[in-house]
Structure formats: structure tokens, C-alpha cells
């Protein structure tokens, strides 16, 4: 059932971390459920949000669901800073590790072999044949990429956002999705149109 429903996958197998670092089950709020539903139905989703709504966790758990159940998918996460990109990828790593170490969840990884590719482990996570890459958002970051999902985190704060947007559109031409999540940056900045 989790294979066809990210809602079930997140509710049964994903955990998140509080700002204090406590690991808790990911009990989805209605806004988060609605966002997951919308993600399954649209190609481009732009969410202007307030802080602390857990939408970055929703995006990351959706990316993990895709990576596990849609083997061979390439997922790209673009952030405003390198440290942010590394942290978001580490959140996925920690969620995956907790699934792997939980006797009630580990079975969902059956048949997905660990990949020992020689890659930059700070920016890339391989889950079987799937790849998740987290980078600083630049207009060139997505060039030459084909992605099943692109997540732009805090997009209003990424420099040259309109150039990044134009660079991203060709990466999803094969049927991929773009999810833009950001708090607002007032009426200034290159991403104000979003």
C-alpha cells in the first residue's frame, strides 16, 4: 500500500526531528496531507509558506518515497547555501537510516541494494538505482540534468531565482515535477514573482 501512497509511507515509516533534535513520528497535519496530495496531482507546485510548518520535511519524505518506490529516479534539491543543501540531504539520510534500523519498517527496503558509487557523499545520496542530489541553487545547477523531482527550498532567497527557474524547466520535460517551497522575502529580490 505504501508503494502507491506517500501518505501511508510517511505516516507509517517516516520520522522527523524537532528543533531540539528529538526524533518523533511524522504525524501529518492537514496542510501537510494536502501538500502531499497536490504533489501527486501537479507537475509544478509553488508554496509560499510561514516558518515551522514542516513543509521541507514533507518535501524530503516525498523525495524519499519516490527514491524507494520509483527506482531509477533522479531527484534534485536546490538550496540557497551549501550548508543548507548538505543539511537537507542529511535529513533524508537520517530518515532512511531510521527506516533501515526499524524492524517494522526495514522490509520496505528489501531488494534495494546499497550502491557504492564513488560520489561526493555530501551532495549525493544513492538509494538503489535512484539518486538524490542536493546543490546550491544557480542557473547552471540543473543544466544537463533530467529529474523526476526538483525541490527548490527557500527559493525566494536564492540568487538569480528567475534564471534558476528557466534552467529547471527543461529538466522535467520527461514527466518530472518541480516543488518550490519558500517563506516570503517581501517585495524585493529576484524571486518576488514567485
Protein backbone atom coordinates (compact mmCIF):
# COMPACT_ATOMS: atom_id res chain seq x y z
CA UNK A 1 0.00 0.00 0.00
CA UNK A 2 2.85 2.41 0.76
CA UNK A 3 4.09 1.93 -2.79
CA UNK A 4 1.07 3.78 -4.17
CA UNK A 5 0.52 6.22 -1.30
CA UNK A 6 3.12 8.66 0.01
CA UNK A 7 0.59 9.48 2.76
CA UNK A 8 0.79 5.93 4.12
CA UNK A 9 4.55 5.78 3.66
CA UNK A 10 5.12 8.99 5.61
CA UNK A 11 2.60 8.12 8.33
CA UNK A 12 3.91 4.59 8.86
CA UNK A 13 7.63 4.85 8.23
CA UNK A 14 8.94 8.43 8.40
CA UNK A 15 10.22 10.27 11.41
CA UNK A 16 11.24 13.89 11.73
CA UNK A 17 13.36 15.87 14.15
CA UNK A 18 12.21 18.70 16.38
CA UNK A 19 14.32 21.88 16.52
CA UNK A 20 15.79 20.45 19.75
CA UNK A 21 16.88 17.31 17.86
CA UNK A 22 14.26 14.91 19.26
CA UNK A 23 13.16 12.23 16.78
CA UNK A 24 9.37 11.92 16.55
CA UNK A 25 6.91 10.13 14.25
CA UNK A 26 5.80 12.22 11.30
CA UNK A 27 2.13 12.71 12.18
CA UNK A 28 0.91 14.74 9.22
CA UNK A 29 -1.21 17.85 9.76
CA UNK A 30 -3.99 18.62 7.27
CA UNK A 31 -1.84 21.21 5.45
CA UNK A 32 0.91 18.62 5.04
CA UNK A 33 -1.58 15.98 3.85
CA UNK A 34 -2.98 18.47 1.34
CA UNK A 35 0.53 19.25 0.07
CA UNK A 36 1.29 15.54 -0.45
CA UNK A 37 -2.00 15.12 -2.31
CA UNK A 38 -1.24 18.12 -4.51
CA UNK A 39 2.25 16.77 -5.24
CA UNK A 40 0.73 13.61 -6.67
CA UNK A 41 -1.52 15.62 -9.00
CA UNK A 42 0.50 18.50 -10.43
CA UNK A 43 3.73 18.99 -12.33
CA UNK A 44 4.64 22.37 -10.79
CA UNK A 45 3.78 23.34 -7.23
CA UNK A 46 4.83 26.63 -5.66
CA UNK A 47 4.16 27.06 -1.94
CA UNK A 48 4.59 30.40 -0.18
CA UNK A 49 4.66 29.44 3.47
CA UNK A 50 5.21 30.62 7.00
CA UNK A 51 8.08 29.22 9.05
CA UNK A 52 7.87 25.96 11.01
CA UNK A 53 5.08 24.31 9.02
CA UNK A 54 7.13 21.19 8.32
CA UNK A 55 6.81 21.54 4.56
CA UNK A 56 10.51 20.95 3.98
CA UNK A 57 10.08 17.66 5.87
CA UNK A 58 7.08 16.86 3.66
CA UNK A 59 9.15 17.53 0.54
CA UNK A 60 12.05 15.42 1.80
CA UNK A 61 9.83 12.49 2.81
CA UNK A 62 8.10 12.65 -0.60
CA UNK A 63 11.54 12.59 -2.25
CA UNK A 64 12.49 9.56 -0.15
CA UNK A 65 9.22 7.81 -1.10
CA UNK A 66 9.93 8.42 -4.78
CA UNK A 67 13.53 7.24 -4.45
CA UNK A 68 12.48 3.99 -2.79
CA UNK A 69 9.44 3.12 -4.89
CA UNK A 70 10.31 4.66 -8.27
CA UNK A 71 13.74 3.06 -8.66
CA UNK A 72 15.92 4.87 -11.18
CA UNK A 73 14.50 8.34 -10.45
CA UNK A 74 16.82 11.34 -10.18
CA UNK A 75 15.87 13.97 -7.60
CA UNK A 76 17.48 17.37 -7.36
CA UNK A 77 17.30 19.64 -4.29
CA UNK A 78 18.39 23.26 -4.71
CA UNK A 79 19.10 25.47 -1.69
CA UNK A 80 20.39 28.96 -1.03
CA UNK A 81 23.63 27.80 0.63
CA UNK A 82 25.84 24.73 0.51
CA UNK A 83 25.31 24.10 4.23
CA UNK A 84 21.53 24.09 3.71
CA UNK A 85 21.83 21.61 0.83
CA UNK A 86 24.01 19.30 2.92
CA UNK A 87 21.59 19.52 5.87
CA UNK A 88 18.53 18.65 3.77
CA UNK A 89 20.30 15.66 2.25
CA UNK A 90 21.41 14.59 5.73
CA UNK A 91 17.78 14.73 6.90
CA UNK A 92 16.89 12.24 4.16
CA UNK A 93 19.87 10.07 5.13
CA UNK A 94 18.76 10.04 8.76
CA UNK A 95 15.14 9.20 7.82
CA UNK A 96 16.42 6.37 5.62
CA UNK A 97 18.70 5.07 8.36
CA UNK A 98 15.87 5.06 10.90
CA UNK A 99 13.72 3.10 8.43
CA UNK A 100 16.58 0.66 7.87
CA UNK A 101 17.06 0.15 11.62
CA UNK A 102 13.35 -0.19 12.47
CA UNK A 103 12.22 -3.83 12.37
CA UNK A 104 8.68 -2.69 11.46
CA UNK A 105 9.89 -0.59 8.52
CA UNK A 106 13.06 -2.23 7.20
CA UNK A 107 11.10 -4.54 4.88
CA UNK A 108 10.31 -1.64 2.53
CA UNK A 109 13.99 -1.59 1.58
CA UNK A 110 14.02 -5.27 0.60
CA UNK A 111 15.55 -5.66 -2.83
CA UNK A 112 17.10 -2.19 -2.80
CA UNK A 113 20.83 -2.68 -2.71
CA UNK A 114 23.28 -0.22 -1.27
CA UNK A 115 25.19 1.48 -4.03
CA UNK A 116 28.90 2.03 -3.51
CA UNK A 117 29.45 4.55 -6.27
CA UNK A 118 32.39 6.87 -5.87
CA UNK A 119 30.46 10.12 -5.49
CA UNK A 120 30.57 13.17 -3.31
CA UNK A 121 28.62 11.89 -0.29
CA UNK A 122 27.97 15.46 0.87
CA UNK A 123 25.90 16.29 -2.21
CA UNK A 124 24.67 12.89 -3.43
CA UNK A 125 22.69 10.02 -1.93
CA UNK A 126 22.08 6.82 -3.88
CA UNK A 127 19.16 4.62 -2.86
CA UNK A 128 19.42 1.56 -5.05
CA UNK A 129 19.16 2.83 -8.63
CA UNK A 130 17.74 6.20 -7.51
CA UNK A 131 19.83 9.30 -6.90
CA UNK A 132 19.14 12.37 -4.76
CA UNK A 133 21.48 15.30 -5.31
CA UNK A 134 21.49 18.50 -3.21
CA UNK A 135 23.21 21.61 -4.56
CA UNK A 136 23.36 25.36 -4.22
CA UNK A 137 20.74 26.91 -6.49
CA UNK A 138 22.33 28.56 -9.50
CA UNK A 139 21.11 28.91 -13.09
CA UNK A 140 23.69 26.29 -14.13
CA UNK A 141 22.97 23.81 -11.30
CA UNK A 142 20.33 21.88 -13.21
CA UNK A 143 21.85 22.11 -16.66
CA UNK A 144 22.45 18.71 -18.26
CA UNK A 145 20.22 17.07 -15.65
CA UNK A 146 17.00 15.16 -16.12
CA UNK A 147 14.99 14.99 -12.94
CA UNK A 148 11.85 13.22 -11.81
CA UNK A 149 11.56 15.76 -9.00
CA UNK A 150 13.22 19.11 -8.33
CA UNK A 151 12.80 20.69 -4.89
CA UNK A 152 13.69 24.37 -4.54
CA UNK A 153 13.93 25.14 -0.83
CA UNK A 154 13.66 28.78 0.31
CA UNK A 155 13.57 29.78 -3.33
CA UNK A 156 12.78 33.46 -2.65
CA UNK A 157 16.24 33.75 -1.10
CA UNK A 158 18.18 32.08 -3.92
CA UNK A 159 20.18 34.48 -6.04
CA UNK A 160 19.14 34.68 -9.68
CA UNK A 161 15.95 32.73 -9.00
CA UNK A 162 14.37 33.59 -12.34
CA UNK A 163 17.47 32.23 -14.13
CA UNK A 164 17.33 29.11 -11.97
CA UNK A 165 13.64 28.67 -12.85
CA UNK A 166 14.36 28.91 -16.59
CA UNK A 167 17.19 26.41 -16.18
CA UNK A 168 14.98 23.96 -14.28
CA UNK A 169 12.08 23.73 -16.69
CA UNK A 170 13.90 21.57 -19.27
CA UNK A 171 14.99 19.11 -16.55
CA UNK A 172 11.40 17.95 -16.01
CA UNK A 173 10.31 17.75 -19.65
CA UNK A 174 10.29 13.95 -19.46
CA UNK A 175 7.45 13.99 -16.93
CA UNK A 176 9.14 15.26 -13.79
CA UNK A 177 7.89 17.69 -11.15
CA UNK A 178 9.08 20.92 -9.56
CA UNK A 179 8.25 21.80 -5.96
CA UNK A 180 9.11 25.32 -4.84
CA UNK A 181 8.86 25.96 -1.10
CA UNK A 182 9.73 29.29 0.41
CA UNK A 183 8.95 31.82 3.05
CA UNK A 184 8.47 35.28 1.59
CA UNK A 185 11.20 37.83 1.01
CA UNK A 186 8.94 40.86 0.86
CA UNK A 187 8.71 42.72 -2.42
CA UNK A 188 12.42 42.67 -3.13
CA UNK A 189 14.70 40.07 -4.56
CA UNK A 190 14.85 38.17 -7.82
CA UNK A 191 12.25 35.61 -6.72
CA UNK A 192 9.50 38.11 -5.91
CA UNK A 193 7.48 36.87 -8.89
CA UNK A 194 7.10 33.52 -7.11
